[in-house]
Amino acid sequence: MSKSINLQNFKRGFPGLDPISANYCYVACMVCLHRNNHSDGVLLDLKGDIVATIILQWEDYFNDQIDRAWKDQEYTTEHAAICISAMLVKECTDYTIIERSRKHTGFDYWLGKENDIPFQKSARLEISGIFQETEQNNVEKRFQIKKKQTEQSDKLQLPAYISIIEFSQPRAFFAKK
């Protein structure tokens, strides 16, 4: 199965992520893709609940100023993963991001149905990014860590989705716990 995701659509925002914050994460994503020498149209290998090859489309406007602004690669990767993960949520589920969760909940975002107003917190989303995978830090190991992390909010009895984005390949693991 082959799909296409235009990451520029992320910049419009979501019910729980304003366009300014979304644009910020989009720039981080573009930086991670650029620093890994990817260009518009790179293929993302998706595994998990859905197995697919996804064509990622974006506008690459990387320059020295952006490079200087995003020097902290760990921080950049964390925000970049939000961009692709949110787009995977829209592509692979009936949900969208409706609210940022608080610290120490075991997950990053509340998910809900886009047209279900007022929004109902219907699922959880935990996101993690890896700039360049290593044997000790890979998608599969990170998924197990994040799966365990979400256990602290299992009492909510809501589905938990985990999204791990790796930028050097690039690849993603997106699955419901």
Protein backbone atom coordinates (compact mmCIF):
# COMPACT_ATOMS: atom_id res chain seq x y z
CA MET A 1 0.00 0.00 0.00
CA SER A 2 1.44 3.39 -1.01
CA LYS A 3 0.09 6.72 0.24
CA SER A 4 1.19 10.31 0.14
CA ILE A 5 1.26 12.84 2.98
CA ASN A 6 1.88 16.50 2.31
CA LEU A 7 3.51 17.71 5.52
CA GLN A 8 2.75 21.31 4.57
CA ASN A 9 -0.89 20.58 5.50
CA PHE A 10 0.31 20.14 9.09
CA LYS A 11 1.02 23.89 9.26
CA ARG A 12 -2.74 24.60 9.27
CA GLY A 13 -2.92 23.19 12.78
CA PHE A 14 -5.38 20.92 14.52
CA PRO A 15 -8.15 21.48 17.05
CA GLY A 16 -5.55 21.01 19.81
CA LEU A 17 -2.51 22.49 18.04
CA ASP A 18 -2.62 26.07 16.78
CA PRO A 19 -1.08 26.97 13.38
CA ILE A 20 1.86 28.84 14.95
CA SER A 21 2.87 25.81 17.04
CA ALA A 22 2.25 23.53 14.07
CA ASN A 23 4.49 25.63 11.84
CA TYR A 24 7.21 25.45 14.51
CA CYS A 25 7.06 21.63 14.49
CA TYR A 26 6.94 21.60 10.68
CA VAL A 27 10.22 23.55 10.50
CA ALA A 28 11.79 21.05 12.94
CA CYS A 29 10.59 18.20 10.73
CA MET A 30 11.98 19.81 7.60
CA VAL A 31 15.33 20.31 9.42
CA CYS A 32 15.52 16.64 10.45
CA LEU A 33 14.70 15.46 6.95
CA HIS A 34 17.16 17.91 5.40
CA ARG A 35 19.98 17.00 7.82
CA ASN A 36 19.51 13.36 6.85
CA ASN A 37 19.90 14.35 3.17
CA HIS A 38 16.29 13.58 2.24
CA SER A 39 14.44 15.57 -0.37
CA ASP A 40 10.78 16.17 -1.11
CA GLY A 41 9.17 12.87 -2.08
CA VAL A 42 11.24 10.64 0.22
CA LEU A 43 9.60 7.33 1.13
CA LEU A 44 8.63 6.67 4.75
CA ASP A 45 8.42 2.98 5.66
CA LEU A 46 5.40 2.60 7.97
CA LYS A 47 5.01 -0.44 10.21
CA GLY A 48 2.66 -1.24 13.07
CA ASP A 49 -1.12 -1.41 12.72
CA ILE A 50 -0.76 -0.46 9.07
CA VAL A 51 2.08 -1.48 6.79
CA ALA A 52 2.62 1.02 3.99
CA THR A 53 5.10 3.08 2.09
CA ILE A 54 4.25 6.76 2.43
CA ILE A 55 5.56 9.47 0.16
CA LEU A 56 6.43 12.50 2.30
CA GLN A 57 6.04 15.83 0.59
CA TRP A 58 7.29 19.11 2.02
CA GLU A 59 8.91 22.39 1.10
CA ASP A 60 12.61 22.42 1.99
CA TYR A 61 13.79 25.94 2.75
CA PHE A 62 16.67 25.05 5.05
CA ASN A 63 19.30 27.80 5.40
CA ASP A 64 22.04 28.94 7.80
CA GLN A 65 19.64 30.89 10.00
CA ILE A 66 17.34 27.88 10.45
CA ASP A 67 20.39 25.69 11.07
CA ARG A 68 21.54 28.01 13.86
CA ALA A 69 18.06 28.19 15.40
CA TRP A 70 17.71 24.40 15.58
CA LYS A 71 21.15 23.33 16.88
CA ASP A 72 19.78 21.18 19.72
CA GLN A 73 19.18 18.02 17.67
CA GLU A 74 17.34 16.14 20.43
CA TYR A 75 14.88 19.03 20.87
CA THR A 76 14.53 19.37 17.09
CA THR A 77 13.84 15.66 16.65
CA GLU A 78 11.23 15.68 19.42
CA HIS A 79 9.28 18.47 17.71
CA ALA A 80 9.79 17.01 14.24
CA ALA A 81 8.22 13.73 15.33
CA ILE A 82 5.05 15.60 16.32
CA CYS A 83 4.59 16.74 12.72
CA ILE A 84 4.72 13.29 11.12
CA SER A 85 2.89 11.61 14.01
CA ALA A 86 -0.07 14.00 13.84
CA MET A 87 -0.36 13.39 10.11
CA LEU A 88 -0.26 9.62 10.69
CA VAL A 89 -3.06 9.94 13.25
CA LYS A 90 -5.23 11.65 10.63
CA GLU A 91 -4.23 9.16 7.93
CA CYS A 92 -4.50 5.94 9.96
CA THR A 93 -7.30 6.59 12.49
CA ASP A 94 -10.60 8.42 12.88
CA TYR A 95 -8.93 10.79 15.35
CA THR A 96 -7.09 14.09 15.42
CA ILE A 97 -5.13 15.96 18.08
CA ILE A 98 -7.56 17.87 20.31
CA GLU A 99 -5.39 18.82 23.30
CA ARG A 100 -1.87 18.66 24.70
CA SER A 101 -1.72 16.48 27.80
CA ARG A 102 -0.08 17.52 31.03
CA LYS A 103 3.37 16.32 32.07
CA HIS A 104 3.64 12.98 33.87
CA THR A 105 0.47 11.50 32.34
CA GLY A 106 2.40 8.95 30.28
CA PHE A 107 1.32 10.37 26.93
CA ASP A 108 1.66 13.56 24.88
CA TYR A 109 -1.73 14.35 23.32
CA TRP A 110 -5.41 13.71 23.71
CA LEU A 111 -7.11 12.49 20.56
CA GLY A 112 -10.74 12.95 19.55
CA LYS A 113 -12.99 12.94 16.52
CA GLU A 114 -12.57 16.11 14.48
CA ASN A 115 -16.31 16.78 14.08
CA ASP A 116 -17.27 15.71 17.60
CA ILE A 117 -17.82 19.15 19.14
CA PRO A 118 -17.54 19.67 22.02
CA PHE A 119 -14.42 17.53 21.71
CA GLN A 120 -14.40 14.29 23.64
CA LYS A 121 -11.10 12.91 24.87
CA SER A 122 -11.38 9.54 23.14
CA ALA A 123 -7.80 8.26 22.91
CA ARG A 124 -4.21 8.97 23.93
CA LEU A 125 -1.12 9.55 21.77
CA GLU A 126 2.50 9.11 22.82
CA ILE A 127 5.15 10.35 20.37
CA SER A 128 8.88 9.75 20.18
CA GLY A 129 11.51 10.70 17.62
CA ILE A 130 14.87 9.22 16.72
CA PHE A 131 17.19 11.30 14.56
CA GLN A 132 19.50 8.41 13.62
CA GLU A 133 18.77 4.94 14.86
CA THR A 134 21.46 2.86 16.58
CA GLU A 135 21.48 -0.71 17.81
CA GLN A 136 20.86 0.54 21.36
CA ASN A 137 18.30 3.16 20.34
CA ASN A 138 16.00 1.79 17.68
CA VAL A 139 12.34 1.99 16.79
CA GLU A 140 11.40 -1.40 18.24
CA LYS A 141 13.09 -0.77 21.60
CA ARG A 142 11.65 2.74 21.81
CA PHE A 143 8.17 1.37 21.11
CA GLN A 144 8.46 -1.01 24.08
CA ILE A 145 9.64 1.83 26.34
CA LYS A 146 6.77 4.11 25.28
CA LYS A 147 4.22 1.30 25.56
CA LYS A 148 5.25 0.80 29.18
CA GLN A 149 5.23 4.58 29.77
CA THR A 150 1.55 4.81 28.79
CA GLU A 151 0.59 2.27 31.47
CA GLN A 152 0.36 5.04 34.06
CA SER A 153 -2.76 6.34 32.28
CA ASP A 154 -4.33 2.96 31.46
CA LYS A 155 -6.87 3.55 34.26
CA LEU A 156 -8.58 5.94 31.81
CA GLN A 157 -9.55 2.87 29.77
CA LEU A 158 -8.99 4.75 26.51
CA PRO A 159 -7.00 3.48 23.54
CA ALA A 160 -3.35 4.53 23.47
CA TYR A 161 -1.55 5.07 20.17
CA ILE A 162 2.21 5.13 20.06
CA SER A 163 4.11 6.78 17.23
CA ILE A 164 7.86 6.38 16.84
CA ILE A 165 9.46 8.35 13.99
CA GLU A 166 13.00 7.62 12.78
CA PHE A 167 14.43 10.25 10.44
CA SER A 168 17.59 8.74 8.91
CA GLN A 169 15.82 5.89 7.08
CA PRO A 170 13.05 7.40 7.37
CA ARG A 171 10.60 5.04 9.00
CA ALA A 172 7.75 5.02 11.48
CA PHE A 173 6.10 2.57 13.82
CA PHE A 174 2.51 3.56 14.56
CA ALA A 175 0.31 1.23 16.58
CA LYS A 176 -2.52 1.07 19.07
CA LYS A 177 -1.37 -0.42 22.36
